[in-house]
PDB file of N, CA and C in Angstrom:
ATOM      1  N   MET A   1     104.775 -37.603 -22.445  1.00  0.00           N
ATOM      2  CA  MET A   1     105.805 -38.065 -22.294  1.00  0.00           C
ATOM      3  C   MET A   1     106.578 -37.782 -20.869  1.00  0.00           C
ATOM      4  N   ASN A   2     105.578 -37.143 -19.674  1.00  0.00           N
ATOM      5  CA  ASN A   2     106.236 -37.287 -18.497  1.00  0.00           C
ATOM      6  C   ASN A   2     106.367 -38.613 -17.907  1.00  0.00           C
ATOM      7  N   SER A   3     107.562 -39.103 -18.115  1.00  0.00           N
ATOM      8  CA  SER A   3     107.613 -40.559 -17.794  1.00  0.00           C
ATOM      9  C   SER A   3     108.619 -40.673 -16.330  1.00  0.00           C
ATOM     10  N   PRO A   4     108.272 -40.635 -15.299  1.00  0.00           N
ATOM     11  CA  PRO A   4     109.725 -40.696 -14.351  1.00  0.00           C
ATOM     12  C   PRO A   4     111.277 -41.830 -14.917  1.00  0.00           C
ATOM     13  N   ASP A   5     110.254 -42.562 -15.611  1.00  0.00           N
ATOM     14  CA  ASP A   5     111.555 -43.641 -15.932  1.00  0.00           C
ATOM     15  C   ASP A   5     112.204 -42.986 -17.411  1.00  0.00           C
ATOM     16  N   VAL A   6     111.646 -41.952 -17.725  1.00  0.00           N
ATOM     17  CA  VAL A   6     112.599 -41.047 -19.285  1.00  0.00           C
ATOM     18  C   VAL A   6     113.559 -40.483 -18.148  1.00  0.00           C
ATOM     19  N   GLY A   7     113.435 -39.473 -17.313  1.00  0.00           N
ATOM     20  CA  GLY A   7     114.109 -39.031 -16.626  1.00  0.00           C
ATOM     21  C   GLY A   7     115.197 -39.408 -15.711  1.00  0.00           C
ATOM     22  N   ASN A   8     114.772 -40.431 -15.415  1.00  0.00           N
ATOM     23  CA  ASN A   8     116.268 -40.736 -14.277  1.00  0.00           C
ATOM     24  C   ASN A   8     116.816 -41.980 -15.316  1.00  0.00           C
ATOM     25  N   GLY A   9     116.010 -42.480 -16.578  1.00  0.00           N
ATOM     26  CA  GLY A   9     117.418 -42.803 -17.420  1.00  0.00           C
ATOM     27  C   GLY A   9     117.104 -44.232 -17.167  1.00  0.00           C
ATOM     28  N   MET A  10     115.696 -44.722 -17.175  1.00  0.00           N
ATOM     29  CA  MET A  10     115.780 -46.514 -17.245  1.00  0.00           C
ATOM     30  C   MET A  10     115.080 -47.076 -18.951  1.00  0.00           C
ATOM     31  N   ILE A  11     114.554 -45.650 -19.392  1.00  0.00           N
ATOM     32  CA  ILE A  11     113.946 -46.487 -20.585  1.00  0.00           C
ATOM     33  C   ILE A  11     115.744 -45.915 -22.012  1.00  0.00           C
ATOM     34  N   PHE A  12     116.659 -44.976 -21.038  1.00  0.00           N
ATOM     35  CA  PHE A  12     117.585 -44.826 -22.099  1.00  0.00           C
ATOM     36  C   PHE A  12     118.949 -44.676 -21.100  1.00  0.00           C
ATOM     37  N   PRO A  13     119.177 -46.218 -21.321  1.00  0.00           N
ATOM     38  CA  PRO A  13     120.454 -46.392 -20.076  1.00  0.00           C
ATOM     39  C   PRO A  13     121.505 -46.336 -20.575  1.00  0.00           C
ATOM     40  N   GLU A  14     121.679 -46.214 -21.764  1.00  0.00           N
ATOM     41  CA  GLU A  14     122.752 -45.661 -22.349  1.00  0.00           C
ATOM     42  C   GLU A  14     123.237 -44.075 -22.022  1.00  0.00           C
ATOM     43  N   LEU A  15     122.682 -43.390 -21.534  1.00  0.00           N
ATOM     44  CA  LEU A  15     122.455 -42.179 -21.329  1.00  0.00           C
ATOM     45  C   LEU A  15     123.834 -42.121 -20.299  1.00  0.00           C
ATOM     46  N   SER A  16     125.141 -40.841 -20.015  1.00  0.00           N
ATOM     47  CA  SER A  16     126.100 -40.771 -19.469  1.00  0.00           C
ATOM     48  C   SER A  16     125.200 -39.910 -18.206  1.00  0.00           C
ATOM     49  N   PRO A  17     125.617 -40.146 -16.867  1.00  0.00           N
ATOM     50  CA  PRO A  17     125.019 -39.325 -15.961  1.00  0.00           C
ATOM     51  C   PRO A  17     124.222 -37.713 -15.706  1.00  0.00           C
ATOM     52  N   THR A  18     125.199 -36.979 -16.752  1.00  0.00           N
ATOM     53  CA  THR A  18     125.028 -35.582 -17.116  1.00  0.00           C
ATOM     54  C   THR A  18     123.850 -35.663 -18.052  1.00  0.00           C
ATOM     55  N   GLU A  19     123.974 -36.565 -19.582  1.00  0.00           N
ATOM     56  CA  GLU A  19     122.788 -36.814 -20.209  1.00  0.00           C
ATOM     57  C   GLU A  19     121.348 -37.038 -19.486  1.00  0.00           C
ATOM     58  N   LYS A  20     121.614 -38.044 -18.383  1.00  0.00           N
ATOM     59  CA  LYS A  20     120.378 -38.433 -17.672  1.00  0.00           C
ATOM     60  C   LYS A  20     120.007 -37.182 -16.698  1.00  0.00           C
ATOM     61  N   ARG A  21     120.689 -36.054 -16.301  1.00  0.00           N
ATOM     62  CA  ARG A  21     120.285 -35.154 -15.381  1.00  0.00           C
ATOM     63  C   ARG A  21     119.669 -34.422 -16.347  1.00  0.00           C
ATOM     64  N   ILE A  22     119.568 -33.972 -17.847  1.00  0.00           N
ATOM     65  CA  ILE A  22     119.487 -33.129 -18.721  1.00  0.00           C
ATOM     66  C   ILE A  22     118.231 -33.285 -19.349  1.00  0.00           C
ATOM     67  N   MET A  23     117.545 -35.559 -19.394  1.00  0.00           N
ATOM     68  CA  MET A  23     117.330 -35.492 -19.888  1.00  0.00           C
ATOM     69  C   MET A  23     115.858 -34.974 -18.598  1.00  0.00           C
ATOM     70  N   GLY A  24     116.450 -35.473 -17.040  1.00  0.00           N
ATOM     71  CA  GLY A  24     115.193 -35.415 -15.907  1.00  0.00           C
ATOM     72  C   GLY A  24     114.784 -33.715 -16.103  1.00  0.00           C
ATOM     73  N   ILE A  25     115.259 -32.879 -16.867  1.00  0.00           N
ATOM     74  CA  ILE A  25     114.544 -31.452 -16.999  1.00  0.00           C
ATOM     75  C   ILE A  25     113.705 -31.457 -18.583  1.00  0.00           C
ATOM     76  N   LEU A  26     114.368 -32.466 -18.828  1.00  0.00           N
ATOM     77  CA  LEU A  26     113.451 -32.140 -20.742  1.00  0.00           C
ATOM     78  C   LEU A  26     112.328 -33.025 -20.433  1.00  0.00           C
ATOM     79  N   CYS A  27     112.325 -33.939 -19.800  1.00  0.00           N
ATOM     80  CA  CYS A  27     111.489 -34.983 -19.854  1.00  0.00           C
ATOM     81  C   CYS A  27     110.129 -34.806 -19.912  1.00  0.00           C
ATOM     82  N   ASP A  28     109.765 -33.663 -19.540  1.00  0.00           N
ATOM     83  CA  ASP A  28     108.311 -33.163 -18.845  1.00  0.00           C
ATOM     84  C   ASP A  28     107.639 -32.871 -20.188  1.00  0.00           C
ATOM     85  N   GLY A  29     108.446 -32.662 -21.467  1.00  0.00           N
ATOM     86  CA  GLY A  29     107.778 -31.829 -22.857  1.00  0.00           C
ATOM     87  C   GLY A  29     107.620 -30.742 -23.201  1.00  0.00           C
ATOM     88  N   ILE A  30     107.735 -30.151 -21.673  1.00  0.00           N
ATOM     89  CA  ILE A  30     107.786 -28.828 -22.183  1.00  0.00           C
ATOM     90  C   ILE A  30     109.190 -27.870 -22.445  1.00  0.00           C
ATOM     91  N   ARG A  31     109.210 -26.732 -22.938  1.00  0.00           N
ATOM     92  CA  ARG A  31     110.349 -25.847 -23.298  1.00  0.00           C
ATOM     93  C   ARG A  31     111.184 -25.274 -22.170  1.00  0.00           C
ATOM     94  N   HIS A  32     112.136 -25.349 -22.463  1.00  0.00           N
ATOM     95  CA  HIS A  32     113.502 -25.305 -20.845  1.00  0.00           C
ATOM     96  C   HIS A  32     114.367 -24.389 -21.883  1.00  0.00           C
ATOM     97  N   ARG A  33     114.603 -23.591 -21.006  1.00  0.00           N
ATOM     98  CA  ARG A  33     115.846 -22.441 -21.378  1.00  0.00           C
ATOM     99  C   ARG A  33     117.123 -22.940 -21.125  1.00  0.00           C
ATOM    100  N   PRO A  34     118.036 -22.810 -21.973  1.00  0.00           N
ATOM    101  CA  PRO A  34     119.239 -23.396 -21.877  1.00  0.00           C
ATOM    102  C   PRO A  34     119.766 -23.054 -20.090  1.00  0.00           C
ATOM    103  N   ASP A  35     119.787 -22.256 -20.074  1.00  0.00           N
ATOM    104  CA  ASP A  35     120.504 -22.148 -18.300  1.00  0.00           C
ATOM    105  C   ASP A  35     119.618 -23.247 -17.494  1.00  0.00           C
ATOM    106  N   GLU A  36     118.450 -23.689 -17.425  1.00  0.00           N
ATOM    107  CA  GLU A  36     118.118 -24.539 -16.795  1.00  0.00           C
ATOM    108  C   GLU A  36     118.754 -25.832 -16.592  1.00  0.00           C
ATOM    109  N   MET A  37     119.423 -25.747 -17.790  1.00  0.00           N
ATOM    110  CA  MET A  37     120.156 -27.066 -17.919  1.00  0.00           C
ATOM    111  C   MET A  37     121.474 -27.002 -17.552  1.00  0.00           C
ATOM    112  N   PHE A  38     122.195 -25.834 -17.785  1.00  0.00           N
ATOM    113  CA  PHE A  38     123.330 -25.706 -17.176  1.00  0.00           C
ATOM    114  C   PHE A  38     123.709 -26.119 -15.537  1.00  0.00           C
ATOM    115  N   CYS A  39     122.740 -26.359 -14.460  1.00  0.00           N
ATOM    116  CA  CYS A  39     122.974 -26.912 -13.500  1.00  0.00           C
ATOM    117  C   CYS A  39     123.252 -28.368 -13.135  1.00  0.00           C
ATOM    118  N   CYS A  40     123.156 -28.989 -14.914  1.00  0.00           N
ATOM    119  CA  CYS A  40     123.493 -30.335 -14.817  1.00  0.00           C
ATOM    120  C   CYS A  40     124.749 -30.939 -15.237  1.00  0.00           C
ATOM    121  N   ILE A  41     125.066 -29.268 -15.473  1.00  0.00           N
ATOM    122  CA  ILE A  41     127.067 -30.011 -16.185  1.00  0.00           C
ATOM    123  C   ILE A  41     127.635 -29.087 -15.120  1.00  0.00           C
ATOM    124  N   GLY A  42     129.044 -30.182 -15.290  1.00  0.00           N
ATOM    125  CA  GLY A  42     129.596 -29.793 -13.345  1.00  0.00           C
ATOM    126  C   GLY A  42     130.485 -29.001 -14.501  1.00  0.00           C
ATOM    127  N   ASP A  43     131.490 -28.356 -12.837  1.00  0.00           N
ATOM    128  CA  ASP A  43     131.803 -26.803 -12.547  1.00  0.00           C
ATOM    129  C   ASP A  43     133.021 -27.230 -13.532  1.00  0.00           C
ATOM    130  N   GLN A  44     133.637 -28.236 -13.459  1.00  0.00           N
ATOM    131  CA  GLN A  44     135.153 -28.220 -14.130  1.00  0.00           C
ATOM    132  C   GLN A  44     134.393 -28.125 -16.376  1.00  0.00           C
ATOM    133  N   GLU A  45     133.072 -28.181 -16.779  1.00  0.00           N
ATOM    134  CA  GLU A  45     132.998 -28.180 -18.113  1.00  0.00           C
ATOM    135  C   GLU A  45     132.064 -27.027 -18.308  1.00  0.00           C
ATOM    136  N   ALA A  46     131.205 -26.847 -17.327  1.00  0.00           N
ATOM    137  CA  ALA A  46     130.716 -25.060 -17.393  1.00  0.00           C
ATOM    138  C   ALA A  46     130.810 -24.374 -18.192  1.00  0.00           C
ATOM    139  N   ASN A  47     132.013 -24.029 -17.995  1.00  0.00           N
ATOM    140  CA  ASN A  47     132.556 -22.727 -18.935  1.00  0.00           C
ATOM    141  C   ASN A  47     133.149 -23.017 -20.033  1.00  0.00           C
ATOM    142  N   LEU A  48     133.386 -24.392 -20.098  1.00  0.00           N
ATOM    143  CA  LEU A  48     133.772 -24.734 -21.809  1.00  0.00           C
ATOM    144  C   LEU A  48     133.033 -24.356 -22.674  1.00  0.00           C
ATOM    145  N   PRO A  49     133.550 -23.714 -23.696  1.00  0.00           N
ATOM    146  CA  PRO A  49     132.713 -23.175 -25.150  1.00  0.00           C
ATOM    147  C   PRO A  49     131.685 -24.128 -25.830  1.00  0.00           C
ATOM    148  N   ASN A  50     130.768 -24.113 -26.103  1.00  0.00           N
ATOM    149  CA  ASN A  50     129.491 -24.916 -26.537  1.00  0.00           C
ATOM    150  C   ASN A  50     129.227 -26.371 -25.840  1.00  0.00           C
ATOM    151  N   THR A  51     129.676 -26.461 -24.519  1.00  0.00           N
ATOM    152  CA  THR A  51     129.640 -27.171 -23.670  1.00  0.00           C
ATOM    153  C   THR A  51     127.878 -27.765 -23.776  1.00  0.00           C
ATOM    154  N   LEU A  52     126.677 -27.512 -23.695  1.00  0.00           N
ATOM    155  CA  LEU A  52     125.543 -27.763 -23.796  1.00  0.00           C
ATOM    156  C   LEU A  52     125.449 -28.335 -24.993  1.00  0.00           C
ATOM    157  N   LYS A  53     125.649 -27.246 -25.971  1.00  0.00           N
ATOM    158  CA  LYS A  53     125.558 -27.613 -27.095  1.00  0.00           C
ATOM    159  C   LYS A  53     126.246 -28.926 -27.669  1.00  0.00           C
ATOM    160  N   THR A  54     127.429 -29.439 -27.288  1.00  0.00           N
ATOM    161  CA  THR A  54     127.645 -30.443 -27.194  1.00  0.00           C
ATOM    162  C   THR A  54     126.871 -31.993 -26.657  1.00  0.00           C
ATOM    163  N   TYR A  55     127.002 -31.665 -25.264  1.00  0.00           N
ATOM    164  CA  TYR A  55     125.424 -32.672 -24.426  1.00  0.00           C
ATOM    165  C   TYR A  55     124.469 -32.381 -25.342  1.00  0.00           C
ATOM    166  N   ILE A  56     123.691 -31.515 -25.622  1.00  0.00           N
ATOM    167  CA  ILE A  56     122.709 -31.931 -26.569  1.00  0.00           C
ATOM    168  C   ILE A  56     122.577 -32.776 -27.770  1.00  0.00           C
ATOM    169  N   SER A  57     123.679 -32.374 -28.772  1.00  0.00           N
ATOM    170  CA  SER A  57     123.806 -33.028 -29.655  1.00  0.00           C
ATOM    171  C   SER A  57     124.283 -34.611 -29.049  1.00  0.00           C
ATOM    172  N   ASP A  58     124.944 -34.583 -28.425  1.00  0.00           N
ATOM    173  CA  ASP A  58     125.376 -36.446 -27.798  1.00  0.00           C
ATOM    174  C   ASP A  58     123.770 -36.724 -27.858  1.00  0.00           C
ATOM    175  N   LEU A  59     123.105 -36.373 -26.971  1.00  0.00           N
ATOM    176  CA  LEU A  59     122.199 -36.865 -26.260  1.00  0.00           C
ATOM    177  C   LEU A  59     120.850 -37.133 -27.550  1.00  0.00           C
ATOM    178  N   ARG A  60     120.786 -36.437 -28.101  1.00  0.00           N
ATOM    179  CA  ARG A  60     119.887 -36.141 -29.493  1.00  0.00           C
ATOM    180  C   ARG A  60     120.584 -37.634 -30.277  1.00  0.00           C
ATOM    181  N   LYS A  61     121.477 -37.706 -30.847  1.00  0.00           N
ATOM    182  CA  LYS A  61     121.983 -38.856 -31.464  1.00  0.00           C
ATOM    183  C   LYS A  61     121.203 -40.304 -30.925  1.00  0.00           C
ATOM    184  N   LYS A  62     121.589 -40.288 -29.394  1.00  0.00           N
ATOM    185  CA  LYS A  62     120.689 -41.405 -28.533  1.00  0.00           C
ATOM    186  C   LYS A  62     119.910 -41.444 -28.623  1.00  0.00           C
ATOM    187  N   LEU A  63     119.008 -40.560 -28.418  1.00  0.00           N
ATOM    188  CA  LEU A  63     117.475 -40.034 -28.713  1.00  0.00           C
ATOM    189  C   LEU A  63     116.567 -40.501 -30.097  1.00  0.00           C
ATOM    190  N   ARG A  64     117.202 -40.068 -30.830  1.00  0.00           N
ATOM    191  CA  ARG A  64     116.587 -40.376 -32.236  1.00  0.00           C
ATOM    192  C   ARG A  64     116.679 -42.169 -32.604  1.00  0.00           C
ATOM    193  N   LYS A  65     117.553 -42.955 -31.917  1.00  0.00           N
ATOM    194  CA  LYS A  65     116.965 -43.961 -32.012  1.00  0.00           C
ATOM    195  C   LYS A  65     116.253 -44.916 -30.999  1.00  0.00           C
ATOM    196  N   ARG A  66     115.368 -44.258 -30.395  1.00  0.00           N
ATOM    197  CA  ARG A  66     114.905 -44.777 -29.628  1.00  0.00           C
ATOM    198  C   ARG A  66     113.199 -43.741 -29.689  1.00  0.00           C
ATOM    199  N   GLY A  67     113.400 -43.309 -30.745  1.00  0.00           N
ATOM    200  CA  GLY A  67     112.075 -42.623 -31.380  1.00  0.00           C
ATOM    201  C   GLY A  67     111.921 -41.106 -30.883  1.00  0.00           C
ATOM    202  N   PHE A  68     112.767 -40.509 -30.038  1.00  0.00           N
ATOM    203  CA  PHE A  68     112.370 -39.011 -29.596  1.00  0.00           C
ATOM    204  C   PHE A  68     113.728 -38.366 -30.239  1.00  0.00           C
ATOM    205  N   ASP A  69     113.653 -36.835 -30.160  1.00  0.00           N
ATOM    206  CA  ASP A  69     114.668 -35.814 -30.301  1.00  0.00           C
ATOM    207  C   ASP A  69     114.083 -34.676 -29.500  1.00  0.00           C
ATOM    208  N   VAL A  70     115.403 -33.913 -29.239  1.00  0.00           N
ATOM    209  CA  VAL A  70     115.105 -32.919 -28.684  1.00  0.00           C
ATOM    210  C   VAL A  70     115.166 -32.032 -29.641  1.00  0.00           C
ATOM    211  N   LEU A  71     114.297 -30.957 -29.807  1.00  0.00           N
ATOM    212  CA  LEU A  71     114.304 -29.378 -30.742  1.00  0.00           C
ATOM    213  C   LEU A  71     115.086 -28.331 -30.177  1.00  0.00           C
ATOM    214  N   LEU A  72     115.308 -27.417 -31.024  1.00  0.00           N
ATOM    215  CA  LEU A  72     115.738 -26.037 -30.638  1.00  0.00           C
ATOM    216  C   LEU A  72     114.399 -25.373 -30.929  1.00  0.00           C
ATOM    217  N   GLU A  73     113.912 -24.756 -30.240  1.00  0.00           N
ATOM    218  CA  GLU A  73     112.921 -23.513 -30.839  1.00  0.00           C
ATOM    219  C   GLU A  73     113.791 -22.030 -30.310  1.00  0.00           C
ATOM    220  N   LYS A  74     113.412 -21.468 -31.829  1.00  0.00           N
ATOM    221  CA  LYS A  74     113.983 -20.033 -31.178  1.00  0.00           C
ATOM    222  C   LYS A  74     112.637 -18.313 -31.567  1.00  0.00           C
ATOM    223  N   ASN A  75     112.156 -18.253 -30.301  1.00  0.00           N
ATOM    224  CA  ASN A  75     111.068 -17.541 -30.718  1.00  0.00           C
ATOM    225  C   ASN A  75     111.396 -16.129 -29.836  1.00  0.00           C
ATOM    226  N   GLY A  76     112.379 -15.539 -29.995  1.00  0.00           N
ATOM    227  CA  GLY A  76     113.320 -14.289 -28.998  1.00  0.00           C
ATOM    228  C   GLY A  76     114.678 -15.129 -28.454  1.00  0.00           C
ATOM    229  N   ARG A  77     113.931 -15.804 -27.799  1.00  0.00           N
ATOM    230  CA  ARG A  77     115.224 -16.935 -26.966  1.00  0.00           C
ATOM    231  C   ARG A  77     115.363 -18.437 -27.166  1.00  0.00           C
ATOM    232  N   MET A  78     116.296 -18.990 -27.198  1.00  0.00           N
ATOM    233  CA  MET A  78     116.136 -20.092 -27.524  1.00  0.00           C
ATOM    234  C   MET A  78     115.685 -21.186 -26.244  1.00  0.00           C
ATOM    235  N   HIS A  79     114.818 -22.357 -26.887  1.00  0.00           N
ATOM    236  CA  HIS A  79     114.680 -23.276 -25.855  1.00  0.00           C
ATOM    237  C   HIS A  79     115.028 -24.496 -26.923  1.00  0.00           C
ATOM    238  N   TYR A  80     114.694 -25.231 -25.246  1.00  0.00           N
ATOM    239  CA  TYR A  80     115.013 -26.765 -25.701  1.00  0.00           C
ATOM    240  C   TYR A  80     113.446 -27.213 -25.098  1.00  0.00           C
ATOM    241  N   ARG A  81     113.154 -28.899 -26.199  1.00  0.00           N
ATOM    242  CA  ARG A  81     112.146 -29.666 -25.729  1.00  0.00           C
ATOM    243  C   ARG A  81     112.579 -30.251 -26.133  1.00  0.00           C
ATOM    244  N   CYS A  82     111.868 -31.988 -25.228  1.00  0.00           N
ATOM    245  CA  CYS A  82     112.211 -33.168 -25.757  1.00  0.00           C
ATOM    246  C   CYS A  82     110.709 -33.513 -26.174  1.00  0.00           C
ATOM    247  N   VAL A  83     110.760 -34.426 -27.775  1.00  0.00           N
ATOM    248  CA  VAL A  83     109.656 -34.690 -28.188  1.00  0.00           C
ATOM    249  C   VAL A  83     109.941 -36.031 -28.579  1.00  0.00           C
ATOM    250  N   ARG A  84     108.633 -36.870 -28.665  1.00  0.00           N
ATOM    251  CA  ARG A  84     108.730 -38.174 -29.743  1.00  0.00           C
ATOM    252  C   ARG A  84     108.267 -37.727 -30.840  1.00  0.00           C
ATOM    253  N   LEU A  85     108.928 -38.788 -31.803  1.00  0.00           N
ATOM    254  CA  LEU A  85     109.036 -38.260 -33.302  1.00  0.00           C
ATOM    255  C   LEU A  85     108.239 -39.648 -33.585  1.00  0.00           C
ATOM    256  N   ILE A  86     107.317 -38.913 -34.747  1.00  0.00           N
ATOM    257  CA  ILE A  86     106.406 -39.553 -35.686  1.00  0.00           C
ATOM    258  C   ILE A  86     106.393 -40.843 -36.882  1.00  0.00           C
ATOM    259  N   ASN A  87     106.344 -41.793 -36.584  1.00  0.00           N
ATOM    260  CA  ASN A  87     106.541 -43.005 -37.862  1.00  0.00           C
ATOM    261  C   ASN A  87     106.119 -42.554 -38.994  1.00  0.00           C
ATOM    262  N   THR A  88     106.940 -42.117 -39.713  1.00  0.00           N
ATOM    263  CA  THR A  88     106.372 -41.333 -40.988  1.00  0.00           C
ATOM    264  C   THR A  88     106.467 -42.853 -42.260  1.00  0.00           C
ATOM    265  N   GLN A  89     107.274 -44.420 -41.709  1.00  0.00           N
ATOM    266  CA  GLN A  89     107.577 -44.945 -42.835  1.00  0.00           C
ATOM    267  C   GLN A  89     106.307 -45.825 -43.328  1.00  0.00           C
ATOM    268  N   GLU A  90     105.332 -45.697 -42.607  1.00  0.00           N
ATOM    269  CA  GLU A  90     104.487 -46.699 -42.462  1.00  0.00           C
ATOM    270  C   GLU A  90     103.330 -46.759 -43.463  1.00  0.00           C
TER     271      GLU A  90
END
């Protein structure tokens, strides 16, 4: 999934500027800590409770329509990873 089109929002034009910045980090398909994504959030929102969770939740809804999702992995620490979903309907 390491595509510059994913990271810059060309595949997902409906993403907000903040969501596009978060996808720019997640598009490589590897695990990322939440603090890596806080740099994508504007200063005015960064200190609000649950800001990152809200962005990730909204991002997941939009990505699922396109066959992607953001996984939350907990293995001592929290990590997020963007993955392509497998169609099991066939």
